[in-house]
Amino acid sequence: MKIYVNEKERTVEKGVSAFAVRAFFKADADVVILNGHLIGADMPLNDGDRISLIKKGRNPPPRMSWRACLSPATPPESMRR
C-alpha cells in the first residue's frame, strides 16, 4: 500500500504499524504524527495515510516561501519595462 512518510510517497506492506514505519525510516524520531494527529500508542496504517516523524530539537529543512510559489520566475511581457 502507499503511504506518505515526511511528505514522500512510500510503498509498505499492508497492515504495517506507525511505530514499525518509525523504526524503519527514522528510528530516532521522538514524535509521530499520523494524519495530522499526535499519537502516543502504535496504530495500524491504511492506504494513503500520512505520517510525520520528528526528532525533537531539529529544525525542518528550509522550504520556499509561499510567495515564491505564486509568482512567476519572469514577469509577463506586459509588466516588463
N, C-alpha and C. Protein backbone atom coordinates (compact mmCIF):
# COMPACT_ATOMS: atom_id res chain seq x y z
N MET A 1 0.85 -1.18 0.00
CA MET A 1 0.00 0.00 0.00
C MET A 1 0.89 1.24 0.00
N LYS A 2 0.33 2.36 -0.41
CA LYS A 2 1.10 3.60 -0.49
C LYS A 2 0.75 4.50 0.70
N ILE A 3 1.79 5.01 1.34
CA ILE A 3 1.63 5.97 2.43
C ILE A 3 2.62 7.11 2.16
N TYR A 4 2.52 8.15 2.93
CA TYR A 4 3.45 9.27 2.83
C TYR A 4 4.20 9.39 4.14
N VAL A 5 5.51 9.32 4.07
CA VAL A 5 6.38 9.45 5.24
C VAL A 5 7.16 10.74 5.07
N ASN A 6 6.92 11.70 5.96
CA ASN A 6 7.55 13.02 5.86
C ASN A 6 7.39 13.59 4.45
N GLU A 7 6.17 13.50 3.94
CA GLU A 7 5.77 14.06 2.64
C GLU A 7 6.33 13.33 1.43
N LYS A 8 6.97 12.18 1.61
CA LYS A 8 7.47 11.40 0.48
C LYS A 8 6.65 10.13 0.35
N GLU A 9 6.21 9.83 -0.86
CA GLU A 9 5.41 8.63 -1.08
C GLU A 9 6.28 7.39 -0.91
N ARG A 10 5.77 6.44 -0.14
CA ARG A 10 6.48 5.19 0.12
C ARG A 10 5.50 4.03 -0.06
N THR A 11 6.01 2.89 -0.44
CA THR A 11 5.20 1.69 -0.54
C THR A 11 5.59 0.76 0.60
N VAL A 12 4.60 0.34 1.36
CA VAL A 12 4.83 -0.56 2.50
C VAL A 12 3.83 -1.71 2.44
N GLU A 13 4.10 -2.74 3.23
CA GLU A 13 3.20 -3.89 3.28
C GLU A 13 1.90 -3.51 3.98
N LYS A 14 0.82 -4.11 3.54
CA LYS A 14 -0.48 -3.88 4.16
C LYS A 14 -0.43 -4.36 5.61
N GLY A 15 -1.01 -3.59 6.52
CA GLY A 15 -1.05 -3.97 7.92
C GLY A 15 0.11 -3.48 8.76
N VAL A 16 1.05 -2.75 8.14
CA VAL A 16 2.19 -2.23 8.89
C VAL A 16 1.71 -1.18 9.89
N SER A 17 2.43 -1.04 10.99
CA SER A 17 2.02 -0.08 12.01
C SER A 17 2.86 1.20 11.94
N ALA A 18 2.35 2.24 12.58
CA ALA A 18 3.03 3.55 12.59
C ALA A 18 4.41 3.42 13.23
N PHE A 19 4.51 2.69 14.33
CA PHE A 19 5.80 2.58 15.01
C PHE A 19 6.78 1.72 14.23
N ALA A 20 6.29 0.76 13.44
CA ALA A 20 7.17 -0.03 12.58
C ALA A 20 7.76 0.86 11.48
N VAL A 21 6.94 1.76 10.96
CA VAL A 21 7.43 2.71 9.95
C VAL A 21 8.47 3.63 10.58
N ARG A 22 8.22 4.08 11.81
CA ARG A 22 9.20 4.92 12.51
C ARG A 22 10.51 4.17 12.67
N ALA A 23 10.45 2.92 13.10
CA ALA A 23 11.66 2.12 13.31
C ALA A 23 12.46 1.96 12.02
N PHE A 24 11.77 1.86 10.90
CA PHE A 24 12.45 1.63 9.62
C PHE A 24 13.00 2.93 9.02
N PHE A 25 12.19 4.00 9.02
CA PHE A 25 12.57 5.22 8.31
C PHE A 25 13.32 6.24 9.17
N LYS A 26 12.99 6.31 10.47
CA LYS A 26 13.63 7.31 11.34
C LYS A 26 13.52 6.85 12.79
N ALA A 27 14.36 5.91 13.15
CA ALA A 27 14.27 5.27 14.47
C ALA A 27 14.48 6.26 15.62
N ASP A 28 15.17 7.38 15.36
CA ASP A 28 15.42 8.34 16.44
C ASP A 28 14.32 9.39 16.58
N ALA A 29 13.22 9.23 15.86
CA ALA A 29 12.11 10.19 15.94
C ALA A 29 11.46 10.13 17.32
N ASP A 30 11.25 11.31 17.90
CA ASP A 30 10.60 11.40 19.20
C ASP A 30 9.09 11.58 19.09
N VAL A 31 8.65 12.15 17.98
CA VAL A 31 7.24 12.49 17.79
C VAL A 31 6.74 11.80 16.53
N VAL A 32 5.54 11.21 16.63
CA VAL A 32 4.90 10.58 15.48
C VAL A 32 3.54 11.24 15.28
N ILE A 33 3.36 11.82 14.10
CA ILE A 33 2.10 12.46 13.74
C ILE A 33 1.46 11.61 12.65
N LEU A 34 0.23 11.17 12.87
CA LEU A 34 -0.49 10.36 11.89
C LEU A 34 -1.72 11.12 11.42
N ASN A 35 -1.73 11.45 10.15
CA ASN A 35 -2.84 12.20 9.55
C ASN A 35 -3.18 13.46 10.34
N GLY A 36 -2.14 14.16 10.78
CA GLY A 36 -2.32 15.43 11.47
C GLY A 36 -2.53 15.34 12.97
N HIS A 37 -2.50 14.13 13.53
CA HIS A 37 -2.73 13.95 14.96
C HIS A 37 -1.54 13.27 15.63
N LEU A 38 -1.12 13.82 16.75
CA LEU A 38 -0.06 13.21 17.55
C LEU A 38 -0.55 11.89 18.10
N ILE A 39 0.26 10.83 17.95
CA ILE A 39 -0.15 9.54 18.51
C ILE A 39 0.88 9.10 19.55
N GLY A 40 0.40 8.51 20.62
CA GLY A 40 1.28 8.03 21.69
C GLY A 40 1.33 6.52 21.74
N ALA A 41 0.38 5.87 21.05
CA ALA A 41 0.32 4.41 21.00
C ALA A 41 0.39 3.97 19.54
N ASP A 42 0.91 2.79 19.32
CA ASP A 42 1.04 2.27 17.96
C ASP A 42 -0.33 2.06 17.32
N MET A 43 -0.41 2.35 16.03
CA MET A 43 -1.67 2.20 15.30
C MET A 43 -1.39 1.60 13.92
N PRO A 44 -2.30 0.77 13.41
CA PRO A 44 -2.12 0.25 12.06
C PRO A 44 -2.33 1.36 11.04
N LEU A 45 -1.61 1.28 9.93
CA LEU A 45 -1.73 2.28 8.87
C LEU A 45 -2.64 1.78 7.77
N ASN A 46 -3.26 2.73 7.08
CA ASN A 46 -4.12 2.44 5.95
C ASN A 46 -3.56 3.10 4.69
N ASP A 47 -4.00 2.62 3.55
CA ASP A 47 -3.56 3.19 2.28
C ASP A 47 -3.84 4.69 2.25
N GLY A 48 -2.83 5.48 1.88
CA GLY A 48 -2.97 6.92 1.76
C GLY A 48 -2.69 7.69 3.04
N ASP A 49 -2.41 7.00 4.15
CA ASP A 49 -2.11 7.69 5.40
C ASP A 49 -0.85 8.54 5.26
N ARG A 50 -0.79 9.59 6.06
CA ARG A 50 0.37 10.48 6.09
C ARG A 50 0.96 10.44 7.49
N ILE A 51 2.24 10.12 7.56
CA ILE A 51 2.91 10.03 8.86
C ILE A 51 4.12 10.96 8.84
N SER A 52 4.24 11.76 9.89
CA SER A 52 5.39 12.65 10.03
C SER A 52 6.20 12.20 11.23
N LEU A 53 7.50 12.05 11.02
CA LEU A 53 8.41 11.60 12.06
C LEU A 53 9.35 12.74 12.40
N ILE A 54 9.34 13.14 13.66
CA ILE A 54 10.06 14.35 14.07
C ILE A 54 11.01 14.03 15.21
N LYS A 55 12.24 14.51 15.09
CA LYS A 55 13.23 14.42 16.16
C LYS A 55 13.22 15.76 16.88
N LYS A 56 12.97 15.75 18.18
CA LYS A 56 12.94 17.00 18.95
C LYS A 56 14.29 17.70 18.88
N GLY A 57 14.24 19.03 18.76
CA GLY A 57 15.45 19.83 18.75
C GLY A 57 16.04 20.04 17.37
N ARG A 58 15.49 19.42 16.36
CA ARG A 58 15.99 19.62 14.98
C ARG A 58 15.03 20.51 14.22
N ASN A 59 15.59 21.42 13.44
CA ASN A 59 14.77 22.28 12.59
C ASN A 59 14.46 21.56 11.29
N PRO A 60 13.26 21.77 10.75
CA PRO A 60 12.95 21.17 9.46
C PRO A 60 13.78 21.83 8.36
N PRO A 61 13.94 21.14 7.22
CA PRO A 61 14.71 21.75 6.14
C PRO A 61 14.01 23.00 5.62
N PRO A 62 14.76 23.97 5.11
CA PRO A 62 14.13 25.19 4.61
C PRO A 62 13.27 24.88 3.39
N ARG A 63 12.19 25.63 3.27
CA ARG A 63 11.29 25.47 2.13
C ARG A 63 11.11 26.82 1.45
N MET A 64 10.59 26.78 0.26
CA MET A 64 10.31 28.02 -0.46
C MET A 64 9.19 28.77 0.25
N SER A 65 9.22 30.07 0.18
CA SER A 65 8.10 30.83 0.73
C SER A 65 6.90 30.65 -0.17
N TRP A 66 5.72 30.84 0.37
CA TRP A 66 4.52 30.67 -0.43
C TRP A 66 4.46 31.71 -1.54
N ARG A 67 5.07 32.88 -1.33
CA ARG A 67 5.09 33.90 -2.39
C ARG A 67 5.91 33.44 -3.59
N ALA A 68 7.00 32.75 -3.34
CA ALA A 68 7.83 32.26 -4.43
C ALA A 68 7.07 31.23 -5.27
N CYS A 69 6.18 30.50 -4.63
CA CYS A 69 5.39 29.51 -5.36
C CYS A 69 4.33 30.17 -6.23
N LEU A 70 3.86 31.34 -5.82
CA LEU A 70 2.79 32.02 -6.55
C LEU A 70 3.30 32.91 -7.67
N SER A 71 4.48 33.49 -7.51
CA SER A 71 4.95 34.43 -8.52
C SER A 71 5.77 33.73 -9.58
N PRO A 72 5.58 34.15 -10.84
CA PRO A 72 6.35 33.52 -11.91
C PRO A 72 7.82 33.90 -11.83
N ALA A 73 8.66 33.08 -12.40
CA ALA A 73 10.10 33.34 -12.37
C ALA A 73 10.43 34.61 -13.15
N THR A 74 9.75 34.82 -14.24
CA THR A 74 9.94 36.06 -15.00
C THR A 74 8.58 36.70 -15.18
N PRO A 75 8.51 38.01 -15.03
CA PRO A 75 7.21 38.66 -15.16
C PRO A 75 6.70 38.59 -16.60
N PRO A 76 5.40 38.66 -16.79
CA PRO A 76 4.86 38.66 -18.15
C PRO A 76 5.34 39.88 -18.93
N GLU A 77 5.28 39.79 -20.26
CA GLU A 77 5.74 40.89 -21.13
C GLU A 77 5.12 42.22 -20.74
N SER A 78 3.83 42.22 -20.41
CA SER A 78 3.13 43.46 -20.10
C SER A 78 3.67 44.17 -18.88
N MET A 79 4.39 43.44 -18.01
CA MET A 79 4.91 44.05 -16.78
C MET A 79 6.38 44.45 -16.92
N ARG A 80 7.01 44.05 -17.99
CA ARG A 80 8.44 44.38 -18.15
C ARG A 80 8.59 45.81 -18.60
N ARG A 81 9.69 46.46 -18.15
CA ARG A 81 9.94 47.86 -18.55
C ARG A 81 10.92 47.94 -19.64
